[in-house]
Amino acid sequence: MIGKLNHVAIVVPDLAAAAMLYKTTLGGQVTEPVDLPDQGVTTVFVELPNTKIELLHPLGEGSPVQKFLDNNPSGGMHHVCYEVEDIHAAIAHLESEGARVLGDGKPSIGAHGLPVVFLHPKDFCGTLVELEEVKAA
């Protein structure tokens, strides 16, 4: 069901400093910051030959990553994102297997403008999992 690893997300306390670190120290190709008010984050992507790193920073009151940052002031890995071809079929399959989709269980629009859902970490070895719908090439 799952396809390629789309990205690994890291919550950072200082988005500009983290983006600069990935750009200058590691030589990565870094995108401009994008605010995602519906998700409560500002995001930057580091493009790699085989995947992406997503740098996340809280945006606004009630950001879902603020509690993570409060508990991990230096930041840290937040989630992994896998690609799926049909997010609704993936949700149906996961729920039939007893997995929990977070929120209202319906896809929202993620950082790439594509439908995404998050899966409960307790159902996936303690890891928050994001699924992103991408059409087969």
Protein backbone atom coordinates (compact mmCIF):
# COMPACT_ATOMS: atom_id res chain seq x y z
CA MET A 1 0.00 0.00 0.00
CA ILE A 2 2.65 2.58 0.95
CA GLY A 3 4.96 3.88 -1.70
CA LYS A 4 8.12 5.93 -1.50
CA LEU A 5 9.29 7.80 1.55
CA ASN A 6 8.20 11.36 0.77
CA HIS A 7 9.91 13.14 3.66
CA VAL A 8 11.10 13.07 7.25
CA ALA A 9 9.86 16.03 9.30
CA ILE A 10 11.94 17.72 11.98
CA VAL A 11 10.55 20.33 14.37
CA VAL A 12 13.05 23.15 14.91
CA PRO A 13 13.12 26.02 17.41
CA ASP A 14 14.58 28.49 14.86
CA LEU A 15 13.49 27.89 11.28
CA ALA A 16 15.89 30.40 9.67
CA ALA A 17 18.88 28.97 11.54
CA ALA A 18 17.91 25.39 10.68
CA ALA A 19 17.39 26.25 7.00
CA MET A 20 20.79 27.94 6.91
CA LEU A 21 22.42 24.93 8.59
CA TYR A 22 21.01 22.57 5.96
CA LYS A 23 21.92 24.99 3.16
CA THR A 24 25.46 26.01 4.12
CA THR A 25 26.81 23.27 6.35
CA LEU A 26 25.20 20.31 4.58
CA GLY A 27 24.96 21.91 1.10
CA GLY A 28 21.27 21.15 0.68
CA GLN A 29 18.84 22.78 -1.72
CA VAL A 30 16.41 24.59 0.62
CA THR A 31 13.01 26.02 -0.32
CA GLU A 32 11.62 29.31 0.93
CA PRO A 33 9.48 29.16 4.09
CA VAL A 34 5.77 28.61 3.55
CA ASP A 35 3.12 29.35 6.19
CA LEU A 36 0.39 26.72 6.44
CA PRO A 37 -2.21 28.28 8.75
CA ASP A 38 -4.57 25.29 8.46
CA GLN A 39 -1.78 23.03 9.71
CA GLY A 40 -0.44 25.54 12.25
CA VAL A 41 3.12 25.38 10.93
CA THR A 42 5.68 27.16 8.83
CA THR A 43 7.59 24.71 6.68
CA VAL A 44 10.79 24.57 4.67
CA PHE A 45 11.82 21.61 2.53
CA VAL A 46 15.35 20.40 1.96
CA GLU A 47 15.43 18.62 -1.40
CA LEU A 48 17.55 15.45 -1.51
CA PRO A 49 18.17 13.13 -4.47
CA ASN A 50 15.97 10.38 -2.98
CA THR A 51 13.56 12.20 -0.59
CA LYS A 52 13.05 15.44 1.34
CA ILE A 53 13.59 16.74 4.86
CA GLU A 54 10.78 18.98 6.13
CA LEU A 55 11.74 21.57 8.73
CA LEU A 56 8.71 22.56 10.83
CA HIS A 57 8.17 25.50 13.13
CA PRO A 58 4.99 26.45 15.04
CA LEU A 59 2.72 29.03 13.44
CA GLY A 60 0.14 30.82 15.55
CA GLU A 61 -1.71 29.92 18.70
CA GLY A 62 -2.50 26.26 19.19
CA SER A 63 0.08 24.95 16.73
CA PRO A 64 0.21 21.15 16.94
CA VAL A 65 4.01 21.23 16.96
CA GLN A 66 4.31 23.75 19.81
CA LYS A 67 3.73 21.07 22.46
CA PHE A 68 6.37 18.93 20.76
CA LEU A 69 8.81 21.86 20.89
CA ASP A 70 7.89 22.58 24.53
CA ASN A 71 8.81 18.98 25.38
CA ASN A 72 11.87 18.99 23.11
CA PRO A 73 13.34 22.52 23.21
CA SER A 74 16.18 21.61 20.82
CA GLY A 75 13.68 20.15 18.32
CA GLY A 76 13.71 16.66 16.90
CA MET A 77 12.17 14.21 14.47
CA HIS A 78 8.40 14.68 14.33
CA HIS A 79 7.03 12.32 11.65
CA VAL A 80 7.69 10.32 8.51
CA CYS A 81 5.60 10.73 5.38
CA TYR A 82 4.88 7.94 2.92
CA GLU A 83 3.24 8.28 -0.45
CA VAL A 84 0.01 6.48 -1.36
CA GLU A 85 -1.81 6.48 -4.69
CA ASP A 86 -5.34 6.59 -3.25
CA ILE A 87 -5.67 8.15 0.19
CA HIS A 88 -9.32 7.15 0.62
CA ALA A 89 -8.53 3.49 -0.14
CA ALA A 90 -5.57 3.71 2.26
CA ILE A 91 -7.78 5.11 5.02
CA ALA A 92 -10.38 2.36 4.49
CA HIS A 93 -7.70 -0.33 4.60
CA LEU A 94 -6.00 1.11 7.68
CA GLU A 95 -9.26 1.45 9.59
CA SER A 96 -10.22 -2.12 8.66
CA GLU A 97 -6.91 -3.19 10.22
CA GLY A 98 -7.66 -1.23 13.41
CA ALA A 99 -5.32 1.72 12.79
CA ARG A 100 -6.46 5.16 13.90
CA VAL A 101 -6.49 8.16 11.60
CA LEU A 102 -6.02 11.36 13.61
CA GLY A 103 -8.38 14.34 13.55
CA ASP A 104 -11.73 13.80 11.90
CA GLY A 105 -10.34 10.93 9.82
CA LYS A 106 -10.64 12.86 6.59
CA PRO A 107 -7.79 14.12 4.42
CA SER A 108 -6.68 17.75 4.64
CA ILE A 109 -4.43 19.61 2.25
CA GLY A 110 -0.75 19.36 3.16
CA ALA A 111 2.37 21.34 2.37
CA HIS A 112 2.54 20.12 -1.24
CA GLY A 113 -1.10 21.02 -1.94
CA LEU A 114 -2.05 17.34 -1.85
CA PRO A 115 -4.37 15.35 0.44
CA VAL A 116 -2.76 14.07 3.66
CA VAL A 117 -3.74 12.22 6.83
CA PHE A 118 -1.82 11.45 9.99
CA LEU A 119 -1.88 8.08 11.74
CA HIS A 120 -1.73 7.58 15.50
CA PRO A 121 1.84 6.91 16.69
CA LYS A 122 0.69 4.20 19.12
CA ASP A 123 -0.42 2.16 16.10
CA PHE A 124 2.96 2.48 14.31
CA CYS A 125 5.74 1.63 16.75
CA GLY A 126 5.67 5.06 18.43
CA THR A 127 6.09 6.99 15.16
CA LEU A 128 3.69 9.61 13.86
CA VAL A 129 3.01 8.67 10.23
CA GLU A 130 1.74 10.99 7.51
CA LEU A 131 0.30 9.63 4.28
CA GLU A 132 0.27 11.87 1.22
CA GLU A 133 -1.70 11.06 -1.91
CA VAL A 134 0.37 11.22 -5.07
CA LYS A 135 -0.72 10.03 -8.47
CA ALA A 136 1.34 7.33 -10.14
CA ALA A 137 3.68 8.66 -12.79
